[in-house]
N, C-alpha and C. Protein backbone atom coordinates (compact mmCIF):
# COMPACT_ATOMS: atom_id res chain seq x y z
N MET A 1 -15.06 1.41 20.54
CA MET A 1 -16.04 0.74 19.94
C MET A 1 -15.55 -0.30 18.88
N LYS A 2 -15.81 -1.56 19.16
CA LYS A 2 -15.27 -2.70 18.42
C LYS A 2 -15.99 -2.67 16.80
N LYS A 3 -15.12 -2.77 15.92
CA LYS A 3 -15.71 -2.65 14.48
C LYS A 3 -16.24 -4.11 14.20
N ASN A 4 -17.26 -3.91 13.23
CA ASN A 4 -17.80 -5.05 12.73
C ASN A 4 -16.91 -5.81 11.73
N VAL A 5 -16.65 -7.07 11.90
CA VAL A 5 -15.47 -7.82 11.18
C VAL A 5 -15.82 -7.80 9.76
N SER A 6 -17.01 -7.56 9.30
CA SER A 6 -17.32 -7.62 8.01
C SER A 6 -17.27 -6.19 7.38
N GLU A 7 -16.95 -5.18 8.08
CA GLU A 7 -16.92 -3.79 7.55
C GLU A 7 -15.83 -3.61 6.67
N CYS A 8 -16.10 -3.16 5.47
CA CYS A 8 -15.09 -2.99 4.61
C CYS A 8 -14.09 -1.95 4.89
N PRO A 9 -12.70 -2.27 4.92
CA PRO A 9 -11.78 -1.28 5.60
C PRO A 9 -11.57 -0.15 4.71
N ILE A 10 -12.08 0.01 3.56
CA ILE A 10 -11.95 1.17 2.60
C ILE A 10 -13.17 2.08 2.54
N CYS A 11 -14.37 1.50 2.25
CA CYS A 11 -15.56 2.38 2.09
C CYS A 11 -16.42 2.25 3.30
N LEU A 12 -16.25 1.38 4.30
CA LEU A 12 -16.74 1.23 5.53
C LEU A 12 -18.14 0.62 5.47
N ASP A 13 -18.50 0.08 4.35
CA ASP A 13 -19.76 -0.57 4.13
C ASP A 13 -19.78 -1.68 5.02
N CYS A 14 -21.01 -2.13 5.59
CA CYS A 14 -20.92 -3.40 6.35
C CYS A 14 -21.64 -4.48 5.81
N ASN A 15 -21.90 -4.54 4.52
CA ASN A 15 -22.58 -5.60 3.83
C ASN A 15 -21.74 -6.47 2.94
N ALA A 16 -20.50 -6.67 3.49
CA ALA A 16 -19.66 -7.58 2.74
C ALA A 16 -20.12 -9.10 2.84
N GLN A 17 -20.02 -9.84 1.77
CA GLN A 17 -20.31 -11.09 1.81
C GLN A 17 -19.12 -12.08 1.65
N GLU A 18 -19.27 -13.25 1.97
CA GLU A 18 -18.07 -14.26 1.79
C GLU A 18 -17.89 -14.50 0.36
N TYR A 19 -16.52 -14.39 -0.14
CA TYR A 19 -16.39 -14.58 -1.42
C TYR A 19 -15.52 -16.00 -1.63
N SER A 20 -14.63 -16.21 -0.73
CA SER A 20 -13.94 -17.48 -1.04
C SER A 20 -13.27 -17.84 0.39
N HIS A 21 -12.70 -18.85 0.51
CA HIS A 21 -12.25 -19.28 1.75
C HIS A 21 -11.09 -20.33 1.34
N ASP A 22 -10.12 -20.51 2.27
CA ASP A 22 -9.12 -21.70 2.24
C ASP A 22 -9.05 -22.20 3.73
N LYS A 23 -7.98 -22.95 3.88
CA LYS A 23 -7.93 -23.66 5.14
C LYS A 23 -7.46 -22.78 6.25
N PHE A 24 -7.04 -21.60 5.82
CA PHE A 24 -6.51 -20.60 6.83
C PHE A 24 -7.36 -19.64 7.21
N ARG A 25 -8.27 -19.03 6.13
CA ARG A 25 -9.02 -17.95 6.44
C ARG A 25 -10.14 -17.72 5.39
N LYS A 26 -11.09 -16.76 5.77
CA LYS A 26 -12.13 -16.47 4.72
C LYS A 26 -11.72 -15.23 3.95
N TYR A 27 -12.28 -14.84 2.83
CA TYR A 27 -12.16 -13.67 2.24
C TYR A 27 -13.64 -13.17 1.82
N LEU A 28 -13.74 -11.87 2.10
CA LEU A 28 -15.15 -11.26 2.08
C LEU A 28 -14.93 -10.24 0.83
N THR A 29 -15.97 -9.96 0.30
CA THR A 29 -15.95 -8.92 -0.86
C THR A 29 -17.05 -7.91 -0.67
N CYS A 30 -16.76 -6.67 -0.90
CA CYS A 30 -17.52 -5.52 -0.64
C CYS A 30 -18.37 -5.43 -1.92
N SER A 31 -19.68 -5.21 -1.54
CA SER A 31 -20.61 -4.95 -2.85
C SER A 31 -20.52 -3.52 -3.34
N HIS A 32 -20.06 -2.58 -2.47
CA HIS A 32 -19.99 -1.35 -3.05
C HIS A 32 -18.64 -1.00 -3.72
N CYS A 33 -17.57 -1.35 -3.25
CA CYS A 33 -16.25 -1.07 -3.77
C CYS A 33 -15.37 -2.13 -4.35
N GLU A 34 -15.96 -3.40 -4.17
CA GLU A 34 -15.17 -4.65 -4.73
C GLU A 34 -13.91 -4.85 -4.13
N LEU A 35 -13.68 -4.31 -3.05
CA LEU A 35 -12.29 -4.86 -2.37
C LEU A 35 -12.65 -6.27 -1.79
N ILE A 36 -11.52 -7.05 -1.97
CA ILE A 36 -11.60 -8.43 -1.23
C ILE A 36 -10.76 -8.29 0.04
N PHE A 37 -11.16 -8.69 1.14
CA PHE A 37 -10.54 -8.50 2.49
C PHE A 37 -10.60 -9.69 3.31
N VAL A 38 -9.88 -9.77 4.18
CA VAL A 38 -9.80 -10.92 5.34
C VAL A 38 -10.62 -10.24 6.55
N PRO A 39 -11.53 -11.02 7.03
CA PRO A 39 -12.38 -10.38 8.27
C PRO A 39 -11.30 -10.07 9.37
N ARG A 40 -11.59 -9.04 10.03
CA ARG A 40 -10.44 -8.55 10.87
C ARG A 40 -10.28 -9.45 12.24
N ASP A 41 -11.24 -10.31 12.45
CA ASP A 41 -10.99 -11.27 13.44
C ASP A 41 -10.16 -12.59 12.97
N GLN A 42 -9.86 -12.60 11.79
CA GLN A 42 -8.95 -13.65 11.33
C GLN A 42 -7.60 -13.43 10.96
N LEU A 43 -7.11 -12.00 11.36
CA LEU A 43 -5.70 -11.73 11.13
C LEU A 43 -4.78 -12.36 12.13
N ILE A 44 -3.53 -12.61 11.67
CA ILE A 44 -2.53 -13.11 12.41
C ILE A 44 -2.00 -12.08 13.39
N THR A 45 -1.37 -12.34 14.49
CA THR A 45 -0.84 -11.40 15.51
C THR A 45 0.16 -10.48 14.87
N THR A 46 0.42 -9.33 15.51
CA THR A 46 1.33 -8.59 15.09
C THR A 46 2.79 -9.25 15.33
N GLU A 47 3.10 -10.11 16.26
CA GLU A 47 4.24 -10.82 16.48
C GLU A 47 4.53 -11.73 15.36
N ALA A 48 3.43 -12.52 14.97
CA ALA A 48 3.54 -13.52 13.73
C ALA A 48 3.88 -12.67 12.43
N GLU A 49 3.24 -11.42 12.37
CA GLU A 49 3.37 -10.60 11.14
C GLU A 49 5.00 -10.06 11.30
N LYS A 50 5.51 -9.62 12.36
CA LYS A 50 6.88 -9.32 12.35
C LYS A 50 7.89 -10.45 12.02
N HIS A 51 7.53 -11.59 12.43
CA HIS A 51 8.26 -12.76 12.27
C HIS A 51 8.32 -13.05 10.76
N ARG A 52 7.20 -13.04 9.96
CA ARG A 52 7.00 -13.21 8.56
C ARG A 52 7.94 -12.11 7.96
N TYR A 53 8.01 -10.90 8.32
CA TYR A 53 8.81 -9.73 7.61
C TYR A 53 10.27 -10.08 7.97
N ASP A 54 10.52 -10.66 9.03
CA ASP A 54 12.08 -10.95 9.29
C ASP A 54 12.63 -12.06 8.26
N SER A 55 11.74 -12.82 7.67
CA SER A 55 12.07 -13.84 6.77
C SER A 55 12.19 -13.34 5.50
N HIS A 56 11.68 -12.16 5.08
CA HIS A 56 11.93 -11.53 3.75
C HIS A 56 13.34 -11.26 3.37
N GLN A 57 13.76 -11.58 2.14
CA GLN A 57 15.14 -11.53 1.75
C GLN A 57 15.29 -10.13 0.98
N ASN A 58 14.78 -9.10 1.50
CA ASN A 58 15.06 -7.81 0.68
C ASN A 58 16.46 -7.18 1.17
N ASP A 59 17.39 -7.58 0.62
CA ASP A 59 18.75 -7.10 0.87
C ASP A 59 19.19 -6.08 -0.02
N GLU A 60 19.91 -4.98 0.56
CA GLU A 60 20.32 -4.01 -0.37
C GLU A 60 21.57 -4.46 -1.35
N ASN A 61 21.95 -5.59 -1.01
CA ASN A 61 23.13 -5.97 -1.84
C ASN A 61 22.62 -7.05 -2.87
N ASP A 62 21.45 -7.27 -2.82
CA ASP A 62 20.77 -8.12 -3.84
C ASP A 62 20.39 -7.47 -5.10
N LEU A 63 21.15 -7.78 -6.07
CA LEU A 63 20.97 -7.03 -7.33
C LEU A 63 19.60 -7.31 -7.99
N HIS A 64 19.02 -8.42 -7.84
CA HIS A 64 17.53 -8.56 -8.36
C HIS A 64 16.64 -7.56 -7.63
N TYR A 65 16.81 -7.44 -6.34
CA TYR A 65 15.91 -6.46 -5.46
C TYR A 65 16.23 -5.12 -5.87
N LYS A 66 17.49 -4.78 -6.08
CA LYS A 66 17.73 -3.35 -6.49
C LYS A 66 17.17 -3.08 -7.87
N ASN A 67 17.28 -3.93 -8.68
CA ASN A 67 16.66 -3.75 -10.14
C ASN A 67 15.19 -3.56 -10.06
N TYR A 68 14.52 -4.38 -9.15
CA TYR A 68 13.12 -4.20 -8.98
C TYR A 68 12.75 -2.82 -8.58
N LEU A 69 13.47 -2.29 -7.41
CA LEU A 69 13.25 -1.02 -7.04
C LEU A 69 13.60 0.06 -8.00
N MET A 70 14.62 -0.03 -8.92
CA MET A 70 14.98 0.84 -9.95
C MET A 70 14.07 0.97 -10.96
N GLN A 71 13.40 -0.12 -11.29
CA GLN A 71 12.29 -0.23 -12.37
C GLN A 71 11.13 0.60 -11.82
N MET A 72 10.70 0.53 -10.49
CA MET A 72 9.73 1.28 -10.12
C MET A 72 10.05 2.71 -9.95
N MET A 73 11.26 3.13 -9.50
CA MET A 73 11.62 4.47 -9.50
C MET A 73 11.52 5.16 -10.87
N ASN A 74 12.05 4.30 -11.80
CA ASN A 74 12.04 4.80 -13.21
C ASN A 74 10.52 5.10 -13.74
N GLN A 75 9.53 4.37 -13.33
CA GLN A 75 8.23 4.72 -13.53
C GLN A 75 7.67 5.92 -12.87
N ILE A 76 8.13 6.12 -11.64
CA ILE A 76 7.65 7.27 -10.80
C ILE A 76 8.21 8.62 -11.29
N ILE A 77 9.62 8.74 -11.56
CA ILE A 77 10.19 9.86 -11.73
C ILE A 77 9.58 10.79 -12.64
N PRO A 78 9.07 10.27 -13.87
CA PRO A 78 8.51 11.19 -14.86
C PRO A 78 7.23 12.07 -14.28
N GLU A 79 6.68 11.50 -13.21
CA GLU A 79 5.55 12.12 -12.44
C GLU A 79 5.99 13.31 -11.54
N LEU A 80 7.34 13.42 -11.22
CA LEU A 80 7.93 14.18 -10.28
C LEU A 80 8.67 15.50 -10.87
N GLN A 81 8.81 16.57 -10.01
CA GLN A 81 9.83 17.55 -10.39
C GLN A 81 11.13 17.47 -9.68
N GLU A 82 12.18 18.06 -10.26
CA GLU A 82 13.42 17.81 -9.67
C GLU A 82 13.70 18.41 -8.31
N GLN A 83 14.18 17.48 -7.55
CA GLN A 83 14.56 17.97 -6.10
C GLN A 83 13.39 17.90 -5.22
N GLU A 84 12.32 17.37 -5.52
CA GLU A 84 11.10 17.08 -4.57
C GLU A 84 11.50 16.20 -3.53
N VAL A 85 10.65 16.39 -2.48
CA VAL A 85 10.96 15.72 -1.23
C VAL A 85 9.85 14.47 -1.21
N GLY A 86 10.37 13.22 -0.94
CA GLY A 86 9.50 12.15 -0.85
C GLY A 86 9.56 11.27 0.36
N LEU A 87 8.81 10.35 0.59
CA LEU A 87 8.79 9.35 1.62
C LEU A 87 8.57 8.00 1.14
N ASP A 88 9.33 7.05 1.70
CA ASP A 88 9.01 5.58 1.34
C ASP A 88 8.49 5.07 2.55
N PHE A 89 7.12 4.90 2.45
CA PHE A 89 6.34 4.46 3.66
C PHE A 89 6.12 2.92 3.59
N GLY A 90 6.68 2.24 4.73
CA GLY A 90 6.65 0.82 4.73
C GLY A 90 7.77 0.17 4.01
N CYS A 91 9.03 0.89 4.32
CA CYS A 91 10.24 0.41 3.42
C CYS A 91 10.90 -0.94 3.74
N GLY A 92 10.41 -1.57 4.95
CA GLY A 92 10.93 -2.67 5.44
C GLY A 92 12.39 -2.57 6.07
N ARG A 93 13.25 -3.56 5.93
CA ARG A 93 14.50 -3.41 6.66
C ARG A 93 15.57 -2.34 6.26
N THR A 94 15.48 -2.14 4.88
CA THR A 94 16.29 -1.20 4.26
C THR A 94 15.80 0.04 3.66
N ASP A 95 16.66 1.15 3.61
CA ASP A 95 16.17 2.29 3.02
C ASP A 95 16.81 2.51 1.49
N LEU A 96 16.83 1.29 0.85
CA LEU A 96 17.44 1.21 -0.48
C LEU A 96 16.69 2.10 -1.38
N LEU A 97 15.36 1.99 -1.52
CA LEU A 97 14.62 2.98 -2.37
C LEU A 97 14.99 4.44 -2.08
N SER A 98 15.10 4.87 -0.81
CA SER A 98 15.44 6.15 -0.54
C SER A 98 16.79 6.55 -1.17
N GLN A 99 17.78 5.50 -0.87
CA GLN A 99 19.05 5.84 -1.40
C GLN A 99 19.17 6.04 -3.01
N LEU A 100 18.35 5.28 -3.62
CA LEU A 100 18.18 5.31 -5.07
C LEU A 100 17.68 6.52 -5.56
N PHE A 101 16.47 7.06 -5.00
CA PHE A 101 16.11 8.43 -5.21
C PHE A 101 17.01 9.57 -4.84
N ARG A 102 17.66 9.46 -3.76
CA ARG A 102 18.84 10.55 -3.54
C ARG A 102 19.87 10.51 -4.50
N ASP A 103 20.20 9.41 -5.01
CA ASP A 103 21.22 9.43 -6.14
C ASP A 103 20.73 10.06 -7.43
N LYS A 104 19.29 10.24 -7.52
CA LYS A 104 18.76 11.06 -8.52
C LYS A 104 18.42 12.47 -8.22
N ASN A 105 18.86 13.01 -7.08
CA ASN A 105 18.81 14.32 -6.49
C ASN A 105 17.38 14.59 -6.10
N PHE A 106 16.63 13.57 -5.39
CA PHE A 106 15.58 13.81 -4.64
C PHE A 106 15.82 13.56 -3.14
N GLU A 107 15.30 14.46 -2.31
CA GLU A 107 15.36 14.21 -0.84
C GLU A 107 14.31 13.09 -0.45
N MET A 108 14.75 12.15 0.43
CA MET A 108 13.76 11.01 0.48
C MET A 108 14.02 10.49 1.97
N ASP A 109 12.97 10.32 2.57
CA ASP A 109 12.87 9.76 3.90
C ASP A 109 12.37 8.31 3.83
N SER A 110 12.64 7.39 4.85
CA SER A 110 12.07 6.17 5.00
C SER A 110 11.33 5.88 6.28
N PHE A 111 10.28 5.06 6.29
CA PHE A 111 9.62 4.83 7.54
C PHE A 111 8.98 3.39 7.29
N ASP A 112 9.30 2.56 8.49
CA ASP A 112 8.60 1.32 8.58
C ASP A 112 8.32 1.05 9.96
N LEU A 113 6.97 0.55 10.18
CA LEU A 113 6.48 0.36 11.65
C LEU A 113 7.34 -0.56 12.44
N TYR A 114 8.08 -1.53 11.88
CA TYR A 114 8.77 -2.50 12.54
C TYR A 114 10.17 -2.31 12.57
N PHE A 115 10.80 -1.64 11.41
CA PHE A 115 12.19 -1.65 11.36
C PHE A 115 12.87 -0.10 11.28
N LEU A 116 11.96 0.79 10.80
CA LEU A 116 12.63 2.25 10.85
C LEU A 116 11.56 3.26 11.13
N ALA A 117 11.04 3.08 12.47
CA ALA A 117 9.87 3.81 12.96
C ALA A 117 10.32 5.33 13.41
N ASP A 118 10.72 5.92 12.53
CA ASP A 118 11.16 7.29 12.81
C ASP A 118 9.91 8.46 12.85
N SER A 119 9.52 8.78 13.98
CA SER A 119 8.44 9.60 14.20
C SER A 119 8.51 10.90 13.55
N LYS A 120 9.66 11.50 13.26
CA LYS A 120 9.72 12.62 12.70
C LYS A 120 9.01 12.89 11.41
N ILE A 121 8.69 11.94 10.78
CA ILE A 121 8.05 11.99 9.50
C ILE A 121 6.74 12.63 9.62
N TRP A 122 6.07 12.48 10.81
CA TRP A 122 4.81 13.01 10.91
C TRP A 122 4.70 14.58 11.22
N ALA A 123 5.91 15.21 11.37
CA ALA A 123 5.92 16.55 11.54
C ALA A 123 6.39 17.28 10.20
N LYS A 124 6.66 16.45 9.02
CA LYS A 124 7.21 17.00 7.97
C LYS A 124 6.08 17.13 6.73
N LYS A 125 6.39 17.70 5.57
CA LYS A 125 5.59 17.66 4.52
C LYS A 125 6.17 17.16 3.25
N TYR A 126 5.62 16.38 2.33
CA TYR A 126 6.20 15.78 1.21
C TYR A 126 5.50 16.08 -0.11
N HIS A 127 6.29 15.99 -1.13
CA HIS A 127 5.65 16.17 -2.41
C HIS A 127 5.17 14.92 -2.92
N PHE A 128 5.74 13.76 -2.31
CA PHE A 128 5.29 12.53 -2.96
C PHE A 128 5.51 11.45 -1.92
N ILE A 129 4.62 10.47 -1.86
CA ILE A 129 4.75 9.26 -0.88
C ILE A 129 4.53 8.03 -1.51
N ILE A 130 5.55 6.98 -1.40
CA ILE A 130 5.36 5.77 -1.87
C ILE A 130 5.09 4.65 -1.12
N LEU A 131 4.00 3.78 -1.46
CA LEU A 131 3.71 2.53 -0.53
C LEU A 131 3.95 1.45 -1.67
N SER A 132 5.12 0.85 -1.65
CA SER A 132 5.39 -0.24 -2.53
C SER A 132 5.35 -1.61 -1.82
N GLU A 133 4.27 -2.25 -2.26
CA GLU A 133 3.86 -3.68 -1.70
C GLU A 133 3.64 -3.47 -0.22
N VAL A 134 2.70 -2.39 0.15
CA VAL A 134 2.44 -2.06 1.57
C VAL A 134 1.02 -1.98 1.90
N ILE A 135 0.12 -1.46 0.92
CA ILE A 135 -1.20 -1.26 1.22
C ILE A 135 -2.10 -2.62 1.40
N GLU A 136 -1.60 -3.60 0.92
CA GLU A 136 -2.26 -4.90 1.16
C GLU A 136 -2.00 -5.52 2.44
N HIS A 137 -1.06 -4.93 3.17
CA HIS A 137 -0.69 -5.32 4.64
C HIS A 137 -1.49 -4.53 5.70
N LEU A 138 -1.90 -3.26 5.41
CA LEU A 138 -2.37 -2.46 6.43
C LEU A 138 -3.57 -2.87 7.04
N ARG A 139 -3.59 -2.83 8.45
CA ARG A 139 -4.80 -3.31 9.26
C ARG A 139 -5.85 -2.21 9.27
N ASP A 140 -5.51 -1.07 8.97
CA ASP A 140 -6.74 0.04 9.01
C ASP A 140 -6.15 1.00 7.68
N PRO A 141 -6.34 0.33 6.44
CA PRO A 141 -5.70 1.27 5.50
C PRO A 141 -6.32 2.58 5.14
N LEU A 142 -7.66 2.65 5.46
CA LEU A 142 -8.28 4.18 5.15
C LEU A 142 -7.62 5.08 6.18
N ALA A 143 -7.51 4.75 7.49
CA ALA A 143 -6.94 5.59 8.51
C ALA A 143 -5.48 5.98 8.11
N GLU A 144 -4.67 4.88 7.77
CA GLU A 144 -3.32 5.23 7.43
C GLU A 144 -3.16 6.11 6.26
N LEU A 145 -4.01 5.84 5.20
CA LEU A 145 -3.88 6.66 4.14
C LEU A 145 -4.49 8.19 4.27
N GLU A 146 -5.36 8.23 5.20
CA GLU A 146 -5.67 9.81 5.65
C GLU A 146 -4.59 10.45 6.29
N LYS A 147 -3.87 9.61 7.18
CA LYS A 147 -2.78 10.29 7.95
C LYS A 147 -1.56 10.64 6.98
N LEU A 148 -1.37 9.87 5.91
CA LEU A 148 -0.40 10.24 4.91
C LEU A 148 -0.94 11.33 4.18
N ARG A 149 -2.13 11.36 3.76
CA ARG A 149 -2.73 12.50 2.84
C ARG A 149 -2.45 13.81 3.61
N ARG A 150 -2.35 13.93 4.92
CA ARG A 150 -2.20 15.11 5.45
C ARG A 150 -0.82 15.49 5.49
N LEU A 151 0.12 14.66 5.21
CA LEU A 151 1.58 14.88 5.04
C LEU A 151 1.84 15.52 3.63
N LEU A 152 0.92 15.48 2.82
CA LEU A 152 1.32 16.03 1.33
C LEU A 152 1.26 17.44 1.24
N LEU A 153 2.08 17.99 0.36
CA LEU A 153 2.00 19.30 0.04
C LEU A 153 0.87 19.44 -1.09
N PRO A 154 0.50 20.75 -1.60
CA PRO A 154 -0.45 20.83 -2.67
C PRO A 154 0.20 20.25 -4.00
N ASN A 155 -0.79 19.49 -4.74
CA ASN A 155 -0.43 18.73 -5.91
C ASN A 155 0.48 17.52 -5.50
N GLY A 156 0.56 17.27 -4.26
CA GLY A 156 1.33 16.04 -4.05
C GLY A 156 0.84 14.80 -4.36
N LYS A 157 1.56 13.78 -4.51
CA LYS A 157 1.14 12.47 -4.96
C LYS A 157 1.46 11.33 -4.05
N ILE A 158 0.46 10.35 -3.98
CA ILE A 158 0.74 9.06 -3.50
C ILE A 158 0.77 8.01 -4.47
N PHE A 159 1.86 7.37 -4.39
CA PHE A 159 2.15 6.09 -5.50
C PHE A 159 1.93 4.86 -4.67
N ILE A 160 1.08 4.02 -5.21
CA ILE A 160 0.67 2.71 -4.52
C ILE A 160 1.03 1.55 -5.44
N LYS A 161 1.95 0.72 -5.10
CA LYS A 161 2.31 -0.57 -5.88
C LYS A 161 1.66 -1.71 -5.20
N THR A 162 0.73 -2.45 -5.88
CA THR A 162 0.16 -3.66 -5.30
C THR A 162 -0.45 -4.36 -6.48
N LYS A 163 -0.50 -5.64 -6.31
CA LYS A 163 -1.18 -6.46 -7.37
C LYS A 163 -2.69 -6.48 -7.22
N LEU A 164 -3.31 -6.19 -8.39
CA LEU A 164 -4.85 -6.04 -8.27
C LEU A 164 -5.31 -7.47 -8.47
N HIS A 165 -6.39 -7.61 -7.74
CA HIS A 165 -7.07 -8.92 -7.65
C HIS A 165 -7.56 -9.38 -8.87
N PRO A 166 -7.56 -10.77 -9.39
CA PRO A 166 -8.25 -11.24 -10.48
C PRO A 166 -9.74 -11.03 -10.38
N GLU A 167 -10.38 -10.83 -11.55
CA GLU A 167 -11.86 -10.67 -11.57
C GLU A 167 -12.54 -11.89 -11.53
N ASP A 168 -11.94 -13.06 -11.93
CA ASP A 168 -12.41 -14.43 -11.99
C ASP A 168 -12.22 -15.05 -10.82
N LYS A 169 -13.39 -15.55 -10.19
CA LYS A 169 -13.13 -16.12 -8.87
C LYS A 169 -12.22 -17.48 -8.72
N SER A 170 -12.39 -18.19 -9.75
CA SER A 170 -11.47 -19.33 -9.79
C SER A 170 -9.91 -19.01 -9.87
N LEU A 171 -9.72 -17.86 -10.55
CA LEU A 171 -8.35 -17.35 -10.66
C LEU A 171 -7.89 -16.80 -9.12
N PHE A 172 -8.88 -16.13 -8.40
CA PHE A 172 -8.39 -15.63 -7.18
C PHE A 172 -8.46 -16.85 -6.15
N ASP A 173 -9.07 -17.70 -6.23
CA ASP A 173 -9.07 -19.06 -5.40
C ASP A 173 -7.68 -19.64 -5.52
N ASN A 174 -6.88 -19.48 -6.53
CA ASN A 174 -5.61 -20.17 -6.65
C ASN A 174 -4.47 -19.15 -6.94
N TRP A 175 -4.87 -17.89 -6.54
CA TRP A 175 -3.93 -16.72 -6.65
C TRP A 175 -2.71 -16.74 -5.65
N PHE A 176 -1.57 -16.74 -6.08
CA PHE A 176 -0.43 -16.91 -5.21
C PHE A 176 -0.41 -15.73 -4.13
N TYR A 177 -0.92 -14.68 -4.70
CA TYR A 177 -0.59 -13.28 -3.83
C TYR A 177 -1.47 -13.33 -2.43
N LYS A 178 -2.71 -14.10 -2.57
CA LYS A 178 -3.32 -14.26 -1.27
C LYS A 178 -2.95 -15.27 -0.28
N ARG A 179 -1.98 -15.90 -0.71
CA ARG A 179 -1.29 -16.90 0.27
C ARG A 179 -0.42 -16.43 1.24
N ASP A 180 0.09 -15.35 1.09
CA ASP A 180 0.73 -14.56 2.10
C ASP A 180 -0.22 -14.09 3.20
N SER A 181 0.17 -14.74 4.48
CA SER A 181 -0.74 -14.37 5.67
C SER A 181 -0.87 -13.04 6.04
N THR A 182 0.13 -12.33 5.63
CA THR A 182 0.28 -10.90 6.05
C THR A 182 -0.57 -9.83 4.90
N HIS A 183 -1.07 -10.55 3.85
CA HIS A 183 -1.79 -9.71 2.88
C HIS A 183 -3.16 -9.95 3.23
N ILE A 184 -3.84 -8.92 3.45
CA ILE A 184 -5.23 -8.77 4.11
C ILE A 184 -6.23 -8.11 3.29
N GLN A 185 -5.90 -7.36 2.26
CA GLN A 185 -7.04 -6.90 1.36
C GLN A 185 -6.29 -6.72 0.03
N PHE A 186 -7.20 -6.89 -0.89
CA PHE A 186 -6.82 -7.08 -2.52
C PHE A 186 -7.77 -6.03 -3.13
N PHE A 187 -7.18 -5.14 -3.89
CA PHE A 187 -7.86 -4.05 -4.74
C PHE A 187 -8.03 -4.43 -6.11
N ASN A 188 -9.03 -3.74 -6.72
CA ASN A 188 -9.15 -3.66 -8.17
C ASN A 188 -9.30 -2.15 -8.49
N SER A 189 -9.38 -1.85 -9.74
CA SER A 189 -9.50 -0.28 -10.15
C SER A 189 -10.64 0.44 -9.42
N LYS A 190 -11.83 -0.42 -9.25
CA LYS A 190 -12.81 0.36 -8.63
C LYS A 190 -12.59 0.60 -7.08
N SER A 191 -12.03 -0.33 -6.28
CA SER A 191 -11.64 -0.13 -4.94
C SER A 191 -10.70 0.97 -4.76
N LEU A 192 -9.75 0.98 -5.73
CA LEU A 192 -8.73 2.03 -5.73
C LEU A 192 -9.35 3.51 -5.97
N LYS A 193 -10.31 3.49 -6.80
CA LYS A 193 -11.04 4.78 -7.03
C LYS A 193 -11.85 5.22 -5.86
N VAL A 194 -12.39 4.33 -5.18
CA VAL A 194 -13.24 4.72 -3.82
C VAL A 194 -12.21 5.11 -2.91
N LEU A 195 -11.03 4.51 -2.83
CA LEU A 195 -10.05 4.90 -1.78
C LEU A 195 -9.56 6.30 -2.20
N GLY A 196 -9.32 6.80 -3.39
CA GLY A 196 -8.91 8.01 -3.63
C GLY A 196 -10.03 9.06 -3.31
N SER A 197 -11.22 8.79 -3.57
CA SER A 197 -12.30 9.64 -3.12
C SER A 197 -12.44 9.81 -1.70
N LYS A 198 -12.26 8.77 -0.79
CA LYS A 198 -12.28 8.97 0.56
C LYS A 198 -11.14 9.74 1.07
N ILE A 199 -10.05 9.70 0.40
CA ILE A 199 -8.89 10.68 0.99
C ILE A 199 -8.73 11.97 0.22
N ASP A 200 -9.79 12.17 -0.63
CA ASP A 200 -9.85 13.48 -1.25
C ASP A 200 -8.74 13.77 -2.23
N MET A 201 -8.44 12.76 -2.93
CA MET A 201 -7.38 12.79 -4.17
C MET A 201 -7.95 12.21 -5.33
N SER A 202 -7.55 12.85 -6.49
CA SER A 202 -7.97 12.56 -7.74
C SER A 202 -7.20 11.30 -8.28
N GLY A 203 -7.80 10.36 -9.02
CA GLY A 203 -7.10 9.20 -9.56
C GLY A 203 -7.97 7.96 -9.23
N PRO A 204 -7.33 6.82 -9.40
CA PRO A 204 -5.94 6.63 -9.75
C PRO A 204 -5.69 6.89 -11.20
N GLN A 205 -4.28 7.20 -11.44
CA GLN A 205 -3.73 7.22 -12.75
C GLN A 205 -2.82 6.01 -12.66
N ILE A 206 -2.85 5.27 -13.79
CA ILE A 206 -2.14 3.86 -13.73
C ILE A 206 -0.90 4.26 -14.43
N ARG A 207 0.20 3.79 -13.89
CA ARG A 207 1.63 3.78 -14.39
C ARG A 207 2.00 2.52 -15.04
N SER A 208 1.49 1.35 -14.47
CA SER A 208 1.71 0.02 -14.97
C SER A 208 0.70 -1.00 -14.38
N GLU A 209 0.65 -2.17 -14.62
CA GLU A 209 -0.43 -3.03 -14.01
C GLU A 209 -0.54 -3.20 -12.66
N ASP A 210 0.63 -2.88 -11.99
CA ASP A 210 0.67 -2.83 -10.45
C ASP A 210 1.14 -1.55 -9.76
N LEU A 211 1.18 -0.44 -10.63
CA LEU A 211 1.51 0.76 -9.87
C LEU A 211 0.57 1.89 -10.31
N ALA A 212 -0.16 2.61 -9.43
CA ALA A 212 -1.07 3.66 -9.71
C ALA A 212 -0.73 4.78 -8.64
N PHE A 213 -1.13 6.17 -9.01
CA PHE A 213 -0.88 7.16 -8.12
C PHE A 213 -2.20 7.95 -8.16
N PHE A 214 -2.15 8.75 -6.99
CA PHE A 214 -3.25 9.74 -6.71
C PHE A 214 -2.67 11.18 -6.54
N THR A 215 -3.49 12.07 -6.95
CA THR A 215 -2.78 13.31 -6.69
C THR A 215 -3.75 14.26 -5.97
N ALA A 216 -3.19 15.05 -4.93
CA ALA A 216 -3.86 15.98 -4.06
C ALA A 216 -4.27 17.09 -4.81
N SER A 217 -5.30 17.96 -4.30
CA SER A 217 -5.70 19.20 -4.89
C SER A 217 -4.63 20.19 -4.74
N SER A 218 -4.72 21.39 -5.49
CA SER A 218 -3.71 22.34 -5.23
C SER A 218 -4.05 23.32 -4.03
N ILE A 219 -5.17 23.14 -3.60
CA ILE A 219 -5.66 24.13 -2.50
C ILE A 219 -5.08 23.66 -1.11
């Protein structure tokens, strides 16, 4: 059954209204959870998406990129126990983040739909899962997060790094983050909270202005 293109991809409410537009696409806003998202009939093709990712300059030998990942890792580690097992979901072309965590004595797997599609992750269990600059790309974010939730051990955590959308419409209209054609939904604290409730996790707890995490129950 074909989905309503104005259906919110997080709370599944179908009363979204147009919020903004540019010469490339529209942006709808959900009255229930305040997610801003691109109608699903205006997404680029998966081929164009892959081409866009191929142009990313995320190289493991790039010191700036490595420092960026290390900064995020250092924000996450205080929430973990030693030697816990993690997953970097949507890692891109390199497993550098996993390498950095392994250097800190964490076992870590990497997965990326286009570059490291290792199906073995779906048969494993994890203490923590990281989505770094990933959730804004997902075509069906609720379904993907539900799948990842099932991989978590009791008290497991999902860390989400993404830029929250400005609350001022004029700022959103000129926001650089929405100009990336592969960025198709934009969260604020309310939409993150609704997402957490949808996947039966508590949170979000905020680690920085663009990094939050959810915790699974101990049951």
